Amino acid sequence: MERWAGKVAVITGASAGIGAAIARNLVKQGMIVAGFARRVEKIKEIADTLENSSGKLHPVECDITKEEDVIATFVWVKNNLGPIGVLVNSAGITKESSLIDWQSVFNVNILGLCLCTREAVRMMRETAIEDAVIIHVNSLAGERVPFVPGFSVYPASKRAVTGLAQSLRHELAGTCIRVTNISPGLVATDFMASYSTFSAEAMAAMPTLDPDDVATAVIYVLSNPPHVLVQDVVLRPLGESW
């Protein structure tokens, strides 16, 4: 990870859960991290705990479903922090039932990811950066759909991310930009509270990953030399049955 010290990473969904864990770990590795989220005060709280780290976390307010927000925040990062070497698309939501809920899931999980990826790729190409990585935090639900009532359109949104990653690899052939999909199983975050099916008691009985497990996978991907593409990483808690 030494070569990434002082380099800039953008992480979406950095205010909580997996995104927050990735932000913390990359800052501890010496990276300059722009943490994107709507709840920017949460990122400020995380940044305060990292003051003695070798890197730095910059809280950046951004609604990734709004194109003007995404464009403006990427320009801010470029002008204030420097060329972007890493993008981690970690923002994701899940909701049940209504059409508005379904639209929200697709707007964040797919279109928001596309907007951030487009701007990152544009800047990576403009600055002719020699080593760049884009990581999509996907889901095992995008690989195999579990028998979970209420999962609704979430697995479909994550299957789309898998396809988008492959398309992006084709589009970036011949460049130095690598694209990796990380697909974890159930992770112990507040994310699953969105489902009425999962009570606190039910969650406690299930094997889960920790957000830091996913962050460790991100560090593994970045630790590989520039000529090595880690295409897909699948993480499952031991004992997970689906």
C-alpha atoms as a PDB file:
ATOM      1  CA  MET A   1       0.000   0.000   0.000  1.00  0.00           C
ATOM      2  CA  GLU A   2       3.012   2.310   0.238  1.00  0.00           C
ATOM      3  CA  ARG A   3       2.586   3.616  -3.301  1.00  0.00           C
ATOM      4  CA  TRP A   4      -0.931   4.836  -2.453  1.00  0.00           C
ATOM      5  CA  ALA A   5       0.202   7.034   0.441  1.00  0.00           C
ATOM      6  CA  GLY A   6      -0.681  10.646  -0.333  1.00  0.00           C
ATOM      7  CA  LYS A   7      -2.903   9.617  -3.263  1.00  0.00           C
ATOM      8  CA  VAL A   8      -6.564  10.624  -3.505  1.00  0.00           C
ATOM      9  CA  ALA A   9      -9.483   8.232  -3.093  1.00  0.00           C
ATOM     10  CA  VAL A  10     -13.174   9.059  -3.435  1.00  0.00           C
ATOM     11  CA  ILE A  11     -15.569   6.911  -1.409  1.00  0.00           C
ATOM     12  CA  THR A  12     -19.331   7.206  -1.768  1.00  0.00           C
ATOM     13  CA  GLY A  13     -21.630   6.297   1.091  1.00  0.00           C
ATOM     14  CA  ALA A  14     -18.827   7.126   3.516  1.00  0.00           C
ATOM     15  CA  SER A  15     -21.013   8.210   6.422  1.00  0.00           C
ATOM     16  CA  ALA A  16     -21.787   4.733   7.778  1.00  0.00           C
ATOM     17  CA  GLY A  17     -21.378   0.996   7.432  1.00  0.00           C
ATOM     18  CA  ILE A  18     -19.070  -0.391   4.774  1.00  0.00           C
ATOM     19  CA  GLY A  19     -18.225   3.007   3.264  1.00  0.00           C
ATOM     20  CA  ALA A  20     -17.183   4.404   6.638  1.00  0.00           C
ATOM     21  CA  ALA A  21     -15.014   1.360   7.339  1.00  0.00           C
ATOM     22  CA  ILE A  22     -13.273   1.691   3.975  1.00  0.00           C
ATOM     23  CA  ALA A  23     -12.684   5.403   4.561  1.00  0.00           C
ATOM     24  CA  ARG A  24     -11.150   4.779   7.986  1.00  0.00           C
ATOM     25  CA  ASN A  25      -8.867   2.042   6.727  1.00  0.00           C
ATOM     26  CA  LEU A  26      -7.600   3.954   3.698  1.00  0.00           C
ATOM     27  CA  VAL A  27      -6.855   7.030   5.807  1.00  0.00           C
ATOM     28  CA  LYS A  28      -4.860   4.835   8.187  1.00  0.00           C
ATOM     29  CA  GLN A  29      -2.912   3.647   5.142  1.00  0.00           C
ATOM     30  CA  GLY A  30      -1.944   7.251   4.389  1.00  0.00           C
ATOM     31  CA  MET A  31      -4.438   8.058   1.650  1.00  0.00           C
ATOM     32  CA  ILE A  32      -6.254  11.358   1.170  1.00  0.00           C
ATOM     33  CA  VAL A  33      -9.911  10.375   1.194  1.00  0.00           C
ATOM     34  CA  ALA A  34     -12.877  12.411  -0.014  1.00  0.00           C
ATOM     35  CA  GLY A  35     -15.873  10.882   1.721  1.00  0.00           C
ATOM     36  CA  PHE A  36     -19.125  11.543  -0.135  1.00  0.00           C
ATOM     37  CA  ALA A  37     -22.509  11.393   1.610  1.00  0.00           C
ATOM     38  CA  ARG A  38     -25.625  13.407   2.228  1.00  0.00           C
ATOM     39  CA  ARG A  39     -25.121  13.111   5.998  1.00  0.00           C
ATOM     40  CA  VAL A  40     -21.824  14.936   5.931  1.00  0.00           C
ATOM     41  CA  GLU A  41     -21.881  15.569   9.691  1.00  0.00           C
ATOM     42  CA  LYS A  42     -21.433  11.809  10.204  1.00  0.00           C
ATOM     43  CA  ILE A  43     -18.255  11.884   8.125  1.00  0.00           C
ATOM     44  CA  LYS A  44     -16.990  14.838  10.149  1.00  0.00           C
ATOM     45  CA  GLU A  45     -17.376  12.737  13.292  1.00  0.00           C
ATOM     46  CA  ILE A  46     -15.347   9.945  11.697  1.00  0.00           C
ATOM     47  CA  ALA A  47     -12.702  12.426  10.520  1.00  0.00           C
ATOM     48  CA  ASP A  48     -12.279  13.694  14.082  1.00  0.00           C
ATOM     49  CA  THR A  49     -11.278  10.200  15.206  1.00  0.00           C
ATOM     50  CA  LEU A  50      -8.587  10.002  12.517  1.00  0.00           C
ATOM     51  CA  GLU A  51      -6.656  13.187  13.287  1.00  0.00           C
ATOM     52  CA  ASN A  52      -3.525  11.246  14.261  1.00  0.00           C
ATOM     53  CA  SER A  53      -3.545   9.072  11.148  1.00  0.00           C
ATOM     54  CA  SER A  54      -1.035   9.419   8.328  1.00  0.00           C
ATOM     55  CA  GLY A  55      -3.789  10.223   5.831  1.00  0.00           C
ATOM     56  CA  LYS A  56      -6.756  12.564   5.984  1.00  0.00           C
ATOM     57  CA  LEU A  57     -10.520  12.264   5.558  1.00  0.00           C
ATOM     58  CA  HIS A  58     -12.311  15.178   3.889  1.00  0.00           C
ATOM     59  CA  PRO A  59     -16.100  15.206   4.391  1.00  0.00           C
ATOM     60  CA  VAL A  60     -17.881  16.155   1.161  1.00  0.00           C
ATOM     61  CA  GLU A  61     -21.638  16.636   1.010  1.00  0.00           C
ATOM     62  CA  CYS A  62     -23.024  15.005  -2.119  1.00  0.00           C
ATOM     63  CA  ASP A  63     -26.289  13.465  -3.256  1.00  0.00           C
ATOM     64  CA  ILE A  64     -25.094  11.007  -5.885  1.00  0.00           C
ATOM     65  CA  THR A  65     -28.561  10.840  -7.471  1.00  0.00           C
ATOM     66  CA  LYS A  66     -28.194  14.476  -8.579  1.00  0.00           C
ATOM     67  CA  GLU A  67     -25.934  14.959 -11.584  1.00  0.00           C
ATOM     68  CA  GLU A  68     -25.107  18.566 -10.733  1.00  0.00           C
ATOM     69  CA  ASP A  69     -24.013  17.507  -7.233  1.00  0.00           C
ATOM     70  CA  VAL A  70     -21.760  14.769  -8.559  1.00  0.00           C
ATOM     71  CA  ILE A  71     -20.104  16.975 -11.176  1.00  0.00           C
ATOM     72  CA  ALA A  72     -19.500  19.796  -8.693  1.00  0.00           C
ATOM     73  CA  THR A  73     -18.052  17.561  -5.986  1.00  0.00           C
ATOM     74  CA  PHE A  74     -15.649  15.797  -8.346  1.00  0.00           C
ATOM     75  CA  VAL A  75     -14.443  19.178  -9.599  1.00  0.00           C
ATOM     76  CA  TRP A  76     -13.941  20.245  -5.971  1.00  0.00           C
ATOM     77  CA  VAL A  77     -11.887  17.125  -5.264  1.00  0.00           C
ATOM     78  CA  LYS A  78      -9.703  17.676  -8.317  1.00  0.00           C
ATOM     79  CA  ASN A  79      -9.119  21.361  -7.544  1.00  0.00           C
ATOM     80  CA  ASN A  80      -8.579  20.987  -3.805  1.00  0.00           C
ATOM     81  CA  LEU A  81      -7.126  17.519  -3.247  1.00  0.00           C
ATOM     82  CA  GLY A  82      -5.533  16.544  -6.546  1.00  0.00           C
ATOM     83  CA  PRO A  83      -5.883  13.812  -9.197  1.00  0.00           C
ATOM     84  CA  ILE A  84      -8.165  10.925  -8.279  1.00  0.00           C
ATOM     85  CA  GLY A  85      -6.446   7.553  -8.133  1.00  0.00           C
ATOM     86  CA  VAL A  86      -9.180   5.454  -6.539  1.00  0.00           C
ATOM     87  CA  LEU A  87     -12.972   5.454  -6.631  1.00  0.00           C
ATOM     88  CA  VAL A  88     -14.936   3.187  -4.299  1.00  0.00           C
ATOM     89  CA  ASN A  89     -18.639   3.091  -5.098  1.00  0.00           C
ATOM     90  CA  SER A  90     -19.995   2.055  -1.714  1.00  0.00           C
ATOM     91  CA  ALA A  91     -23.276   3.976  -1.544  1.00  0.00           C
ATOM     92  CA  GLY A  92     -26.268   1.683  -1.627  1.00  0.00           C
ATOM     93  CA  ILE A  93     -29.799   1.452  -0.306  1.00  0.00           C
ATOM     94  CA  THR A  94     -32.639  -1.027  -0.171  1.00  0.00           C
ATOM     95  CA  LYS A  95     -36.340  -0.358   0.238  1.00  0.00           C
ATOM     96  CA  GLU A  96     -39.561  -2.310  -0.065  1.00  0.00           C
ATOM     97  CA  SER A  97     -42.972  -1.981  -1.663  1.00  0.00           C
ATOM     98  CA  SER A  98     -43.753   1.224  -3.543  1.00  0.00           C
ATOM     99  CA  LEU A  99     -42.751   2.501  -6.977  1.00  0.00           C
ATOM    100  CA  ILE A 100     -41.003   5.441  -5.325  1.00  0.00           C
ATOM    101  CA  ASP A 101     -39.001   2.975  -3.211  1.00  0.00           C
ATOM    102  CA  TRP A 102     -37.970   1.008  -6.299  1.00  0.00           C
ATOM    103  CA  GLN A 103     -36.945   4.171  -8.118  1.00  0.00           C
ATOM    104  CA  SER A 104     -34.854   5.241  -5.127  1.00  0.00           C
ATOM    105  CA  VAL A 105     -33.002   1.922  -5.126  1.00  0.00           C
ATOM    106  CA  PHE A 106     -32.168   2.149  -8.838  1.00  0.00           C
ATOM    107  CA  ASN A 107     -31.270   5.842  -8.598  1.00  0.00           C
ATOM    108  CA  VAL A 108     -28.678   5.207  -5.877  1.00  0.00           C
ATOM    109  CA  ASN A 109     -27.442   1.700  -6.617  1.00  0.00           C
ATOM    110  CA  ILE A 110     -27.186   2.042 -10.401  1.00  0.00           C
ATOM    111  CA  LEU A 111     -27.511   5.586 -11.728  1.00  0.00           C
ATOM    112  CA  GLY A 112     -25.595   7.204  -8.860  1.00  0.00           C
ATOM    113  CA  LEU A 113     -22.833   4.651  -9.316  1.00  0.00           C
ATOM    114  CA  CYS A 114     -22.780   5.396 -13.051  1.00  0.00           C
ATOM    115  CA  LEU A 115     -22.548   9.151 -12.499  1.00  0.00           C
ATOM    116  CA  CYS A 116     -19.652   8.858 -10.051  1.00  0.00           C
ATOM    117  CA  THR A 117     -17.855   6.362 -12.262  1.00  0.00           C
ATOM    118  CA  ARG A 118     -18.251   8.583 -15.324  1.00  0.00           C
ATOM    119  CA  GLU A 119     -16.741  11.604 -13.569  1.00  0.00           C
ATOM    120  CA  ALA A 120     -13.912   9.586 -12.022  1.00  0.00           C
ATOM    121  CA  VAL A 121     -12.975   7.982 -15.346  1.00  0.00           C
ATOM    122  CA  ARG A 122     -13.064  11.355 -17.077  1.00  0.00           C
ATOM    123  CA  MET A 123     -10.652  12.847 -14.552  1.00  0.00           C
ATOM    124  CA  MET A 124      -8.403   9.783 -14.473  1.00  0.00           C
ATOM    125  CA  ARG A 125      -8.029  10.062 -18.236  1.00  0.00           C
ATOM    126  CA  GLU A 126      -7.535  13.828 -18.225  1.00  0.00           C
ATOM    127  CA  THR A 127      -4.715  13.617 -15.696  1.00  0.00           C
ATOM    128  CA  ALA A 128      -3.140  10.594 -17.452  1.00  0.00           C
ATOM    129  CA  ILE A 129      -2.752   8.899 -14.096  1.00  0.00           C
ATOM    130  CA  GLU A 130      -0.559   5.790 -14.352  1.00  0.00           C
ATOM    131  CA  ASP A 131      -2.322   3.594 -11.796  1.00  0.00           C
ATOM    132  CA  ALA A 132      -6.036   3.904 -11.089  1.00  0.00           C
ATOM    133  CA  VAL A 133      -8.634   1.613  -9.556  1.00  0.00           C
ATOM    134  CA  ILE A 134     -12.433   1.668  -9.513  1.00  0.00           C
ATOM    135  CA  ILE A 135     -14.094  -0.621  -6.979  1.00  0.00           C
ATOM    136  CA  HIS A 136     -17.803  -1.353  -6.903  1.00  0.00           C
ATOM    137  CA  VAL A 137     -19.045  -2.591  -3.534  1.00  0.00           C
ATOM    138  CA  ASN A 138     -21.588  -5.015  -4.917  1.00  0.00           C
ATOM    139  CA  SER A 139     -23.453  -7.812  -3.122  1.00  0.00           C
ATOM    140  CA  LEU A 140     -23.660 -11.569  -3.105  1.00  0.00           C
ATOM    141  CA  ALA A 141     -27.364 -10.953  -3.799  1.00  0.00           C
ATOM    142  CA  GLY A 142     -26.285  -9.839  -7.260  1.00  0.00           C
ATOM    143  CA  GLU A 143     -24.746 -13.259  -7.861  1.00  0.00           C
ATOM    144  CA  ARG A 144     -27.421 -15.463  -6.318  1.00  0.00           C
ATOM    145  CA  VAL A 145     -30.851 -14.339  -5.142  1.00  0.00           C
ATOM    146  CA  PRO A 146     -31.598 -15.528  -1.599  1.00  0.00           C
ATOM    147  CA  PHE A 147     -35.015 -16.707  -0.490  1.00  0.00           C
ATOM    148  CA  VAL A 148     -35.742 -13.574   1.513  1.00  0.00           C
ATOM    149  CA  PRO A 149     -39.244 -12.070   1.365  1.00  0.00           C
ATOM    150  CA  GLY A 150     -39.062  -8.350   0.710  1.00  0.00           C
ATOM    151  CA  PHE A 151     -35.717  -8.298  -1.118  1.00  0.00           C
ATOM    152  CA  SER A 152     -37.705  -6.861  -4.002  1.00  0.00           C
ATOM    153  CA  VAL A 153     -35.598  -5.033  -6.624  1.00  0.00           C
ATOM    154  CA  TYR A 154     -32.356  -4.965  -4.610  1.00  0.00           C
ATOM    155  CA  PRO A 155     -30.817  -8.120  -6.177  1.00  0.00           C
ATOM    156  CA  ALA A 156     -31.718  -6.814  -9.636  1.00  0.00           C
ATOM    157  CA  SER A 157     -29.939  -3.539  -8.906  1.00  0.00           C
ATOM    158  CA  LYS A 158     -26.823  -5.424  -7.836  1.00  0.00           C
ATOM    159  CA  ARG A 159     -26.932  -7.734 -10.852  1.00  0.00           C
ATOM    160  CA  ALA A 160     -26.889  -4.552 -12.931  1.00  0.00           C
ATOM    161  CA  VAL A 161     -23.722  -3.439 -11.133  1.00  0.00           C
ATOM    162  CA  THR A 162     -22.061  -6.720 -12.147  1.00  0.00           C
ATOM    163  CA  GLY A 163     -22.917  -6.035 -15.784  1.00  0.00           C
ATOM    164  CA  LEU A 164     -21.789  -2.430 -15.550  1.00  0.00           C
ATOM    165  CA  ALA A 165     -18.407  -3.485 -14.175  1.00  0.00           C
ATOM    166  CA  GLN A 166     -17.849  -5.857 -17.080  1.00  0.00           C
ATOM    167  CA  SER A 167     -18.919  -3.244 -19.630  1.00  0.00           C
ATOM    168  CA  LEU A 168     -16.571  -0.716 -18.056  1.00  0.00           C
ATOM    169  CA  ARG A 169     -13.643  -3.128 -18.270  1.00  0.00           C
ATOM    170  CA  HIS A 170     -14.278  -3.482 -21.997  1.00  0.00           C
ATOM    171  CA  GLU A 171     -14.514   0.289 -22.445  1.00  0.00           C
ATOM    172  CA  LEU A 172     -11.290   0.864 -20.515  1.00  0.00           C
ATOM    173  CA  ALA A 173      -9.271  -1.812 -22.297  1.00  0.00           C
ATOM    174  CA  GLY A 174      -5.840  -0.453 -23.086  1.00  0.00           C
ATOM    175  CA  THR A 175      -5.878   2.046 -20.207  1.00  0.00           C
ATOM    176  CA  CYS A 176      -4.299   1.751 -16.767  1.00  0.00           C
ATOM    177  CA  ILE A 177      -7.690   1.869 -15.008  1.00  0.00           C
ATOM    178  CA  ARG A 178      -8.660  -1.383 -13.288  1.00  0.00           C
ATOM    179  CA  VAL A 179     -12.236  -2.256 -12.300  1.00  0.00           C
ATOM    180  CA  THR A 180     -13.050  -4.606  -9.427  1.00  0.00           C
ATOM    181  CA  ASN A 181     -16.326  -5.959  -8.091  1.00  0.00           C
ATOM    182  CA  ILE A 182     -16.424  -6.835  -4.368  1.00  0.00           C
ATOM    183  CA  SER A 183     -19.510  -8.871  -3.468  1.00  0.00           C
ATOM    184  CA  PRO A 184     -19.988  -9.510   0.252  1.00  0.00           C
ATOM    185  CA  GLY A 185     -22.653 -11.648   1.848  1.00  0.00           C
ATOM    186  CA  LEU A 186     -24.545 -10.400   4.878  1.00  0.00           C
ATOM    187  CA  VAL A 187     -22.640  -7.595   6.636  1.00  0.00           C
ATOM    188  CA  ALA A 188     -23.451  -6.451  10.162  1.00  0.00           C
ATOM    189  CA  THR A 189     -24.612  -2.881   9.503  1.00  0.00           C
ATOM    190  CA  ASP A 190     -27.819  -0.888   9.908  1.00  0.00           C
ATOM    191  CA  PHE A 191     -28.510  -1.561   6.226  1.00  0.00           C
ATOM    192  CA  MET A 192     -30.636  -4.650   6.870  1.00  0.00           C
ATOM    193  CA  ALA A 193     -32.896  -2.687   9.219  1.00  0.00           C
ATOM    194  CA  SER A 194     -34.584  -1.479   6.029  1.00  0.00           C
ATOM    195  CA  TYR A 195     -36.248  -4.875   5.768  1.00  0.00           C
ATOM    196  CA  SER A 196     -39.210  -5.653   7.966  1.00  0.00           C
ATOM    197  CA  THR A 197     -38.241  -9.336   7.676  1.00  0.00           C
ATOM    198  CA  PHE A 198     -35.068  -8.853   9.704  1.00  0.00           C
ATOM    199  CA  SER A 199     -35.635  -8.246  13.399  1.00  0.00           C
ATOM    200  CA  ALA A 200     -32.695  -7.597  15.703  1.00  0.00           C
ATOM    201  CA  GLU A 201     -33.143 -11.122  17.056  1.00  0.00           C
ATOM    202  CA  ALA A 202     -33.108 -12.650  13.563  1.00  0.00           C
ATOM    203  CA  MET A 203     -29.983 -10.727  12.629  1.00  0.00           C
ATOM    204  CA  ALA A 204     -28.204 -11.832  15.804  1.00  0.00           C
ATOM    205  CA  ALA A 205     -28.781 -15.471  14.840  1.00  0.00           C
ATOM    206  CA  MET A 206     -27.226 -15.105  11.376  1.00  0.00           C
ATOM    207  CA  PRO A 207     -23.525 -15.378  10.525  1.00  0.00           C
ATOM    208  CA  THR A 208     -22.309 -11.991   9.317  1.00  0.00           C
ATOM    209  CA  LEU A 209     -19.256 -10.185   8.058  1.00  0.00           C
ATOM    210  CA  ASP A 210     -17.902  -7.051   9.693  1.00  0.00           C
ATOM    211  CA  PRO A 211     -17.575  -3.852   7.609  1.00  0.00           C
ATOM    212  CA  ASP A 212     -13.822  -3.997   8.242  1.00  0.00           C
ATOM    213  CA  ASP A 213     -13.749  -7.348   6.422  1.00  0.00           C
ATOM    214  CA  VAL A 214     -14.866  -5.565   3.267  1.00  0.00           C
ATOM    215  CA  ALA A 215     -12.335  -2.784   3.880  1.00  0.00           C
ATOM    216  CA  THR A 216      -9.615  -5.430   4.121  1.00  0.00           C
ATOM    217  CA  ALA A 217     -10.672  -6.717   0.701  1.00  0.00           C
ATOM    218  CA  VAL A 218     -10.351  -3.188  -0.703  1.00  0.00           C
ATOM    219  CA  ILE A 219      -6.823  -2.944   0.683  1.00  0.00           C
ATOM    220  CA  TYR A 220      -6.016  -6.326  -0.866  1.00  0.00           C
ATOM    221  CA  VAL A 221      -7.186  -5.115  -4.283  1.00  0.00           C
ATOM    222  CA  LEU A 222      -5.136  -1.928  -4.031  1.00  0.00           C
ATOM    223  CA  SER A 223      -2.064  -3.801  -2.780  1.00  0.00           C
ATOM    224  CA  ASN A 224      -1.676  -5.705  -6.027  1.00  0.00           C
ATOM    225  CA  PRO A 225       0.760  -4.318  -8.620  1.00  0.00           C
ATOM    226  CA  PRO A 226      -0.642  -2.211 -11.479  1.00  0.00           C
ATOM    227  CA  HIS A 227      -0.473  -5.075 -13.995  1.00  0.00           C
ATOM    228  CA  VAL A 228      -2.738  -7.292 -11.854  1.00  0.00           C
ATOM    229  CA  LEU A 229      -6.501  -6.988 -12.266  1.00  0.00           C
ATOM    230  CA  VAL A 230      -8.518  -8.470  -9.427  1.00  0.00           C
ATOM    231  CA  GLN A 231     -11.776  -8.800 -11.305  1.00  0.00           C
ATOM    232  CA  ASP A 232     -14.132 -10.144  -8.643  1.00  0.00           C
ATOM    233  CA  VAL A 233     -13.933 -10.733  -4.905  1.00  0.00           C
ATOM    234  CA  VAL A 234     -16.679 -12.695  -3.159  1.00  0.00           C
ATOM    235  CA  LEU A 235     -16.787 -12.584   0.641  1.00  0.00           C
ATOM    236  CA  ARG A 236     -19.073 -14.784   2.718  1.00  0.00           C
ATOM    237  CA  PRO A 237     -19.320 -15.270   6.465  1.00  0.00           C
ATOM    238  CA  LEU A 238     -18.529 -18.842   7.427  1.00  0.00           C
ATOM    239  CA  GLY A 239     -21.788 -20.721   7.831  1.00  0.00           C
ATOM    240  CA  GLU A 240     -23.889 -18.500   5.579  1.00  0.00           C
ATOM    241  CA  SER A 241     -26.381 -20.855   3.945  1.00  0.00           C
ATOM    242  CA  TRP A 242     -27.701 -19.056   0.857  1.00  0.00           C
END
